[in-house]
Amino acid sequence: KVQDTPERFLSCRCVLGREGFREGRHCWEVEVEGEVGDGSRWGVGVARESVERKRYMDWSPEGGIWAVRKRGQFKSLTSPRT
């Protein structure tokens, strides 16, 4: 059982892999295990420190998240939605 702390995400399964960046260029190499066909669902991105963690998350730059995801097809989580 994981403790409920202010940093814990409540409404979705999210992991923050690094505490933060102040500046610079950053890249990630992502390895997806398991089913990677049309049924796979995953996302990767960055989040502002103040991103909502205890209620519905606005998966957009306005909500503090810059990401791409795959749910059957690839999608960038931008505003306006693309």
PDB file of N, CA and C in Angstrom:
ATOM      1  N   LYS A   1       0.842  -1.190   0.000  1.00  0.00           N
ATOM      2  CA  LYS A   1       0.000   0.000   0.000  1.00  0.00           C
ATOM      3  C   LYS A   1       0.881   1.245   0.000  1.00  0.00           C
ATOM      4  N   VAL A   2       0.557   2.188  -0.856  1.00  0.00           N
ATOM      5  CA  VAL A   2       1.312   3.427  -0.984  1.00  0.00           C
ATOM      6  C   VAL A   2       0.626   4.505  -0.152  1.00  0.00           C
ATOM      7  N   GLN A   3       1.416   5.245   0.612  1.00  0.00           N
ATOM      8  CA  GLN A   3       0.858   6.312   1.439  1.00  0.00           C
ATOM      9  C   GLN A   3       0.287   7.432   0.581  1.00  0.00           C
ATOM     10  N   ASP A   4      -0.780   8.060   1.092  1.00  0.00           N
ATOM     11  CA  ASP A   4      -1.380   9.203   0.408  1.00  0.00           C
ATOM     12  C   ASP A   4      -0.670  10.471   0.863  1.00  0.00           C
ATOM     13  N   THR A   5       0.246  10.948   0.048  1.00  0.00           N
ATOM     14  CA  THR A   5       0.987  12.173   0.340  1.00  0.00           C
ATOM     15  C   THR A   5       0.542  13.254  -0.636  1.00  0.00           C
ATOM     16  N   PRO A   6       0.857  14.525  -0.390  1.00  0.00           N
ATOM     17  CA  PRO A   6       0.480  15.584  -1.341  1.00  0.00           C
ATOM     18  C   PRO A   6       1.060  15.369  -2.734  1.00  0.00           C
ATOM     19  N   GLU A   7       2.176  14.649  -2.840  1.00  0.00           N
ATOM     20  CA  GLU A   7       2.815  14.424  -4.135  1.00  0.00           C
ATOM     21  C   GLU A   7       2.191  13.272  -4.911  1.00  0.00           C
ATOM     22  N   ARG A   8       1.356  12.466  -4.269  1.00  0.00           N
ATOM     23  CA  ARG A   8       0.796  11.285  -4.917  1.00  0.00           C
ATOM     24  C   ARG A   8      -0.358  11.667  -5.841  1.00  0.00           C
ATOM     25  N   PHE A   9      -0.375  11.066  -7.035  1.00  0.00           N
ATOM     26  CA  PHE A   9      -1.483  11.245  -7.967  1.00  0.00           C
ATOM     27  C   PHE A   9      -2.626  10.343  -7.523  1.00  0.00           C
ATOM     28  N   LEU A  10      -3.830  10.872  -7.460  1.00  0.00           N
ATOM     29  CA  LEU A  10      -4.973  10.122  -6.968  1.00  0.00           C
ATOM     30  C   LEU A  10      -5.820   9.543  -8.092  1.00  0.00           C
ATOM     31  N   SER A  11      -6.016  10.299  -9.177  1.00  0.00           N
ATOM     32  CA  SER A  11      -6.991   9.898 -10.190  1.00  0.00           C
ATOM     33  C   SER A  11      -6.409   9.108 -11.360  1.00  0.00           C
ATOM     34  N   CYS A  12      -5.110   8.933 -11.418  1.00  0.00           N
ATOM     35  CA  CYS A  12      -4.532   8.189 -12.533  1.00  0.00           C
ATOM     36  C   CYS A  12      -3.184   7.603 -12.120  1.00  0.00           C
ATOM     37  N   ARG A  13      -2.709   6.673 -12.930  1.00  0.00           N
ATOM     38  CA  ARG A  13      -1.407   6.065 -12.656  1.00  0.00           C
ATOM     39  C   ARG A  13      -0.329   6.879 -13.343  1.00  0.00           C
ATOM     40  N   CYS A  14       0.389   7.657 -12.568  1.00  0.00           N
ATOM     41  CA  CYS A  14       1.453   8.505 -13.088  1.00  0.00           C
ATOM     42  C   CYS A  14       2.695   8.336 -12.233  1.00  0.00           C
ATOM     43  N   VAL A  15       3.826   8.470 -12.866  1.00  0.00           N
ATOM     44  CA  VAL A  15       5.099   8.407 -12.161  1.00  0.00           C
ATOM     45  C   VAL A  15       5.924   9.607 -12.586  1.00  0.00           C
ATOM     46  N   LEU A  16       6.460  10.314 -11.622  1.00  0.00           N
ATOM     47  CA  LEU A  16       7.397  11.393 -11.923  1.00  0.00           C
ATOM     48  C   LEU A  16       8.796  10.824 -11.758  1.00  0.00           C
ATOM     49  N   GLY A  17       9.563  10.841 -12.826  1.00  0.00           N
ATOM     50  CA  GLY A  17      10.871  10.211 -12.800  1.00  0.00           C
ATOM     51  C   GLY A  17      12.015  11.119 -12.409  1.00  0.00           C
ATOM     52  N   ARG A  18      11.771  12.386 -12.313  1.00  0.00           N
ATOM     53  CA  ARG A  18      12.822  13.338 -11.955  1.00  0.00           C
ATOM     54  C   ARG A  18      12.161  14.510 -11.252  1.00  0.00           C
ATOM     55  N   GLU A  19      12.845  15.079 -10.283  1.00  0.00           N
ATOM     56  CA  GLU A  19      12.240  16.167  -9.511  1.00  0.00           C
ATOM     57  C   GLU A  19      12.028  17.429 -10.320  1.00  0.00           C
ATOM     58  N   GLY A  20      12.928  17.773 -11.209  1.00  0.00           N
ATOM     59  CA  GLY A  20      12.675  18.964 -11.997  1.00  0.00           C
ATOM     60  C   GLY A  20      13.855  19.438 -12.812  1.00  0.00           C
ATOM     61  N   PHE A  21      13.538  20.307 -13.763  1.00  0.00           N
ATOM     62  CA  PHE A  21      14.527  20.953 -14.613  1.00  0.00           C
ATOM     63  C   PHE A  21      14.261  22.446 -14.575  1.00  0.00           C
ATOM     64  N   ARG A  22      15.295  23.227 -14.590  1.00  0.00           N
ATOM     65  CA  ARG A  22      15.122  24.679 -14.642  1.00  0.00           C
ATOM     66  C   ARG A  22      15.276  25.198 -16.068  1.00  0.00           C
ATOM     67  N   GLU A  23      16.134  24.553 -16.853  1.00  0.00           N
ATOM     68  CA  GLU A  23      16.366  25.014 -18.221  1.00  0.00           C
ATOM     69  C   GLU A  23      17.088  23.931 -18.986  1.00  0.00           C
ATOM     70  N   GLY A  24      17.268  24.168 -20.280  1.00  0.00           N
ATOM     71  CA  GLY A  24      18.025  23.245 -21.117  1.00  0.00           C
ATOM     72  C   GLY A  24      17.135  22.370 -21.975  1.00  0.00           C
ATOM     73  N   ARG A  25      17.783  21.529 -22.766  1.00  0.00           N
ATOM     74  CA  ARG A  25      17.093  20.575 -23.623  1.00  0.00           C
ATOM     75  C   ARG A  25      17.195  19.209 -22.981  1.00  0.00           C
ATOM     76  N   HIS A  26      16.108  18.461 -23.043  1.00  0.00           N
ATOM     77  CA  HIS A  26      16.072  17.151 -22.408  1.00  0.00           C
ATOM     78  C   HIS A  26      15.366  16.174 -23.341  1.00  0.00           C
ATOM     79  N   CYS A  27      15.794  14.942 -23.319  1.00  0.00           N
ATOM     80  CA  CYS A  27      15.137  13.920 -24.122  1.00  0.00           C
ATOM     81  C   CYS A  27      15.077  12.625 -23.326  1.00  0.00           C
ATOM     82  N   TRP A  28      14.162  11.756 -23.723  1.00  0.00           N
ATOM     83  CA  TRP A  28      13.974  10.486 -23.052  1.00  0.00           C
ATOM     84  C   TRP A  28      13.932   9.392 -24.096  1.00  0.00           C
ATOM     85  N   GLU A  29      14.473   8.262 -23.744  1.00  0.00           N
ATOM     86  CA  GLU A  29      14.325   7.059 -24.552  1.00  0.00           C
ATOM     87  C   GLU A  29      13.356   6.172 -23.791  1.00  0.00           C
ATOM     88  N   VAL A  30      12.237   5.853 -24.413  1.00  0.00           N
ATOM     89  CA  VAL A  30      11.172   5.120 -23.740  1.00  0.00           C
ATOM     90  C   VAL A  30      11.093   3.717 -24.309  1.00  0.00           C
ATOM     91  N   GLU A  31      11.041   2.746 -23.427  1.00  0.00           N
ATOM     92  CA  GLU A  31      10.911   1.354 -23.829  1.00  0.00           C
ATOM     93  C   GLU A  31       9.563   0.850 -23.344  1.00  0.00           C
ATOM     94  N   VAL A  32       8.704   0.415 -24.267  1.00  0.00           N
ATOM     95  CA  VAL A  32       7.373  -0.077 -23.918  1.00  0.00           C
ATOM     96  C   VAL A  32       7.410  -1.587 -23.969  1.00  0.00           C
ATOM     97  N   GLU A  33       7.071  -2.217 -22.845  1.00  0.00           N
ATOM     98  CA  GLU A  33       7.054  -3.676 -22.778  1.00  0.00           C
ATOM     99  C   GLU A  33       5.623  -4.175 -22.888  1.00  0.00           C
ATOM    100  N   GLY A  34       5.487  -5.433 -23.248  1.00  0.00           N
ATOM    101  CA  GLY A  34       4.158  -6.016 -23.368  1.00  0.00           C
ATOM    102  C   GLY A  34       3.593  -5.752 -24.742  1.00  0.00           C
ATOM    103  N   GLU A  35       2.275  -5.700 -24.812  1.00  0.00           N
ATOM    104  CA  GLU A  35       1.595  -5.495 -26.082  1.00  0.00           C
ATOM    105  C   GLU A  35       1.838  -4.083 -26.602  1.00  0.00           C
ATOM    106  N   VAL A  36       2.352  -3.964 -27.808  1.00  0.00           N
ATOM    107  CA  VAL A  36       2.620  -2.643 -28.384  1.00  0.00           C
ATOM    108  C   VAL A  36       1.794  -2.395 -29.648  1.00  0.00           C
ATOM    109  N   GLY A  37       0.809  -3.231 -29.898  1.00  0.00           N
ATOM    110  CA  GLY A  37      -0.041  -3.050 -31.075  1.00  0.00           C
ATOM    111  C   GLY A  37      -1.077  -1.975 -30.854  1.00  0.00           C
ATOM    112  N   ASP A  38      -2.189  -2.074 -31.597  1.00  0.00           N
ATOM    113  CA  ASP A  38      -3.247  -1.067 -31.510  1.00  0.00           C
ATOM    114  C   ASP A  38      -3.882  -0.983 -30.127  1.00  0.00           C
ATOM    115  N   GLY A  39      -3.794  -2.047 -29.328  1.00  0.00           N
ATOM    116  CA  GLY A  39      -4.415  -2.048 -28.006  1.00  0.00           C
ATOM    117  C   GLY A  39      -3.568  -1.449 -26.903  1.00  0.00           C
ATOM    118  N   SER A  40      -2.329  -1.094 -27.206  1.00  0.00           N
ATOM    119  CA  SER A  40      -1.469  -0.562 -26.142  1.00  0.00           C
ATOM    120  C   SER A  40      -1.860   0.868 -25.805  1.00  0.00           C
ATOM    121  N   ARG A  41      -1.686   1.219 -24.526  1.00  0.00           N
ATOM    122  CA  ARG A  41      -2.023   2.557 -24.039  1.00  0.00           C
ATOM    123  C   ARG A  41      -0.893   3.033 -23.152  1.00  0.00           C
ATOM    124  N   TRP A  42      -0.281   4.156 -23.533  1.00  0.00           N
ATOM    125  CA  TRP A  42       0.800   4.719 -22.732  1.00  0.00           C
ATOM    126  C   TRP A  42       0.999   6.179 -23.104  1.00  0.00           C
ATOM    127  N   GLY A  43       1.740   6.884 -22.280  1.00  0.00           N
ATOM    128  CA  GLY A  43       2.058   8.277 -22.547  1.00  0.00           C
ATOM    129  C   GLY A  43       3.363   8.651 -21.881  1.00  0.00           C
ATOM    130  N   VAL A  44       3.979   9.702 -22.381  1.00  0.00           N
ATOM    131  CA  VAL A  44       5.215  10.210 -21.790  1.00  0.00           C
ATOM    132  C   VAL A  44       5.232  11.726 -21.968  1.00  0.00           C
ATOM    133  N   GLY A  45       5.748  12.413 -20.963  1.00  0.00           N
ATOM    134  CA  GLY A  45       5.791  13.866 -21.056  1.00  0.00           C
ATOM    135  C   GLY A  45       6.395  14.489 -19.820  1.00  0.00           C
ATOM    136  N   VAL A  46       6.154  15.767 -19.678  1.00  0.00           N
ATOM    137  CA  VAL A  46       6.641  16.513 -18.516  1.00  0.00           C
ATOM    138  C   VAL A  46       5.454  17.220 -17.870  1.00  0.00           C
ATOM    139  N   ALA A  47       5.600  17.493 -16.565  1.00  0.00           N
ATOM    140  CA  ALA A  47       4.526  18.152 -15.821  1.00  0.00           C
ATOM    141  C   ALA A  47       5.088  19.288 -14.987  1.00  0.00           C
ATOM    142  N   ARG A  48       4.322  20.346 -14.893  1.00  0.00           N
ATOM    143  CA  ARG A  48       4.662  21.455 -14.012  1.00  0.00           C
ATOM    144  C   ARG A  48       4.545  20.960 -12.562  1.00  0.00           C
ATOM    145  N   GLU A  49       5.368  21.479 -11.678  1.00  0.00           N
ATOM    146  CA  GLU A  49       5.346  21.054 -10.274  1.00  0.00           C
ATOM    147  C   GLU A  49       3.965  21.244  -9.652  1.00  0.00           C
ATOM    148  N   SER A  50       3.233  22.253 -10.087  1.00  0.00           N
ATOM    149  CA  SER A  50       1.923  22.567  -9.509  1.00  0.00           C
ATOM    150  C   SER A  50       0.767  21.800 -10.155  1.00  0.00           C
ATOM    151  N   VAL A  51       1.048  20.788 -10.982  1.00  0.00           N
ATOM    152  CA  VAL A  51      -0.010  20.054 -11.667  1.00  0.00           C
ATOM    153  C   VAL A  51      -0.971  19.443 -10.636  1.00  0.00           C
ATOM    154  N   GLU A  52      -2.264  19.433 -10.977  1.00  0.00           N
ATOM    155  CA  GLU A  52      -3.293  18.882 -10.098  1.00  0.00           C
ATOM    156  C   GLU A  52      -3.052  17.389  -9.892  1.00  0.00           C
ATOM    157  N   ARG A  53      -3.043  16.948  -8.662  1.00  0.00           N
ATOM    158  CA  ARG A  53      -2.776  15.544  -8.359  1.00  0.00           C
ATOM    159  C   ARG A  53      -3.923  14.850  -7.652  1.00  0.00           C
ATOM    160  N   LYS A  54      -4.855  15.580  -7.104  1.00  0.00           N
ATOM    161  CA  LYS A  54      -5.912  14.981  -6.289  1.00  0.00           C
ATOM    162  C   LYS A  54      -7.293  15.004  -6.939  1.00  0.00           C
ATOM    163  N   ARG A  55      -7.459  15.694  -8.049  1.00  0.00           N
ATOM    164  CA  ARG A  55      -8.732  15.726  -8.767  1.00  0.00           C
ATOM    165  C   ARG A  55      -8.456  15.437 -10.238  1.00  0.00           C
ATOM    166  N   TYR A  56      -9.448  15.662 -11.064  1.00  0.00           N
ATOM    167  CA  TYR A  56      -9.304  15.460 -12.504  1.00  0.00           C
ATOM    168  C   TYR A  56      -8.110  16.253 -13.032  1.00  0.00           C
ATOM    169  N   MET A  57      -7.301  15.600 -13.846  1.00  0.00           N
ATOM    170  CA  MET A  57      -6.136  16.261 -14.436  1.00  0.00           C
ATOM    171  C   MET A  57      -6.478  16.770 -15.829  1.00  0.00           C
ATOM    172  N   ASP A  58      -6.154  18.008 -16.095  1.00  0.00           N
ATOM    173  CA  ASP A  58      -6.311  18.602 -17.419  1.00  0.00           C
ATOM    174  C   ASP A  58      -5.042  18.282 -18.199  1.00  0.00           C
ATOM    175  N   TRP A  59      -5.122  17.289 -19.072  1.00  0.00           N
ATOM    176  CA  TRP A  59      -3.959  16.829 -19.827  1.00  0.00           C
ATOM    177  C   TRP A  59      -3.671  17.792 -20.973  1.00  0.00           C
ATOM    178  N   SER A  60      -3.200  18.994 -20.629  1.00  0.00           N
ATOM    179  CA  SER A  60      -2.891  20.015 -21.627  1.00  0.00           C
ATOM    180  C   SER A  60      -1.826  20.944 -21.056  1.00  0.00           C
ATOM    181  N   PRO A  61      -1.202  21.759 -21.892  1.00  0.00           N
ATOM    182  CA  PRO A  61      -0.239  22.740 -21.372  1.00  0.00           C
ATOM    183  C   PRO A  61      -0.869  23.677 -20.339  1.00  0.00           C
ATOM    184  N   GLU A  62      -2.141  24.054 -20.528  1.00  0.00           N
ATOM    185  CA  GLU A  62      -2.806  24.916 -19.547  1.00  0.00           C
ATOM    186  C   GLU A  62      -2.937  24.217 -18.200  1.00  0.00           C
ATOM    187  N   GLY A  63      -3.089  22.900 -18.221  1.00  0.00           N
ATOM    188  CA  GLY A  63      -3.181  22.121 -16.990  1.00  0.00           C
ATOM    189  C   GLY A  63      -1.825  21.744 -16.423  1.00  0.00           C
ATOM    190  N   GLY A  64      -0.761  22.139 -17.113  1.00  0.00           N
ATOM    191  CA  GLY A  64       0.583  21.880 -16.615  1.00  0.00           C
ATOM    192  C   GLY A  64       1.236  20.625 -17.144  1.00  0.00           C
ATOM    193  N   ILE A  65       0.700  20.052 -18.230  1.00  0.00           N
ATOM    194  CA  ILE A  65       1.254  18.811 -18.780  1.00  0.00           C
ATOM    195  C   ILE A  65       1.544  18.993 -20.267  1.00  0.00           C
ATOM    196  N   TRP A  66       2.736  18.595 -20.664  1.00  0.00           N
ATOM    197  CA  TRP A  66       3.145  18.570 -22.071  1.00  0.00           C
ATOM    198  C   TRP A  66       3.497  17.126 -22.362  1.00  0.00           C
ATOM    199  N   ALA A  67       2.722  16.451 -23.226  1.00  0.00           N
ATOM    200  CA  ALA A  67       2.916  15.014 -23.388  1.00  0.00           C
ATOM    201  C   ALA A  67       2.457  14.534 -24.756  1.00  0.00           C
ATOM    202  N   VAL A  68       2.851  13.313 -25.064  1.00  0.00           N
ATOM    203  CA  VAL A  68       2.317  12.554 -26.192  1.00  0.00           C
ATOM    204  C   VAL A  68       1.823  11.236 -25.620  1.00  0.00           C
ATOM    205  N   ARG A  69       0.834  10.658 -26.287  1.00  0.00           N
ATOM    206  CA  ARG A  69       0.308   9.384 -25.811  1.00  0.00           C
ATOM    207  C   ARG A  69      -0.054   8.503 -26.986  1.00  0.00           C
ATOM    208  N   LYS A  70      -0.243   7.231 -26.674  1.00  0.00           N
ATOM    209  CA  LYS A  70      -0.709   6.280 -27.677  1.00  0.00           C
ATOM    210  C   LYS A  70      -1.877   5.509 -27.081  1.00  0.00           C
ATOM    211  N   ARG A  71      -3.006   5.655 -27.711  1.00  0.00           N
ATOM    212  CA  ARG A  71      -4.214   4.885 -27.388  1.00  0.00           C
ATOM    213  C   ARG A  71      -4.809   4.471 -28.724  1.00  0.00           C
ATOM    214  N   GLY A  72      -4.212   3.467 -29.318  1.00  0.00           N
ATOM    215  CA  GLY A  72      -4.596   3.078 -30.669  1.00  0.00           C
ATOM    216  C   GLY A  72      -3.849   3.894 -31.709  1.00  0.00           C
ATOM    217  N   GLN A  73      -3.829   5.200 -31.545  1.00  0.00           N
ATOM    218  CA  GLN A  73      -3.063   6.077 -32.426  1.00  0.00           C
ATOM    219  C   GLN A  73      -2.288   7.073 -31.569  1.00  0.00           C
ATOM    220  N   PHE A  74      -1.263   7.648 -32.140  1.00  0.00           N
ATOM    221  CA  PHE A  74      -0.464   8.636 -31.417  1.00  0.00           C
ATOM    222  C   PHE A  74      -1.195   9.971 -31.388  1.00  0.00           C
ATOM    223  N   LYS A  75      -1.033  10.694 -30.276  1.00  0.00           N
ATOM    224  CA  LYS A  75      -1.688  11.988 -30.125  1.00  0.00           C
ATOM    225  C   LYS A  75      -0.816  12.888 -29.267  1.00  0.00           C
ATOM    226  N   SER A  76      -0.660  14.132 -29.699  1.00  0.00           N
ATOM    227  CA  SER A  76       0.031  15.103 -28.852  1.00  0.00           C
ATOM    228  C   SER A  76      -1.029  15.800 -28.009  1.00  0.00           C
ATOM    229  N   LEU A  77      -0.753  15.941 -26.727  1.00  0.00           N
ATOM    230  CA  LEU A  77      -1.713  16.562 -25.812  1.00  0.00           C
ATOM    231  C   LEU A  77      -1.441  18.055 -25.783  1.00  0.00           C
ATOM    232  N   THR A  78      -1.998  18.739 -26.765  1.00  0.00           N
ATOM    233  CA  THR A  78      -1.738  20.160 -26.976  1.00  0.00           C
ATOM    234  C   THR A  78      -3.033  20.953 -26.842  1.00  0.00           C
ATOM    235  N   SER A  79      -2.912  22.233 -26.955  1.00  0.00           N
ATOM    236  CA  SER A  79      -4.074  23.102 -26.940  1.00  0.00           C
ATOM    237  C   SER A  79      -3.929  24.100 -28.088  1.00  0.00           C
ATOM    238  N   PRO A  80      -4.841  24.100 -29.061  1.00  0.00           N
ATOM    239  CA  PRO A  80      -6.026  23.260 -29.141  1.00  0.00           C
ATOM    240  C   PRO A  80      -5.656  21.801 -29.388  1.00  0.00           C
ATOM    241  N   ARG A  81      -6.598  20.903 -29.077  1.00  0.00           N
ATOM    242  CA  ARG A  81      -6.369  19.464 -29.230  1.00  0.00           C
ATOM    243  C   ARG A  81      -6.030  19.129 -30.673  1.00  0.00           C
ATOM    244  N   THR A  82      -5.035  18.249 -30.850  1.00  0.00           N
ATOM    245  CA  THR A  82      -4.659  17.807 -32.200  1.00  0.00           C
ATOM    246  C   THR A  82      -4.724  16.304 -32.293  1.00  0.00           C
TER     247      THR A  82
END
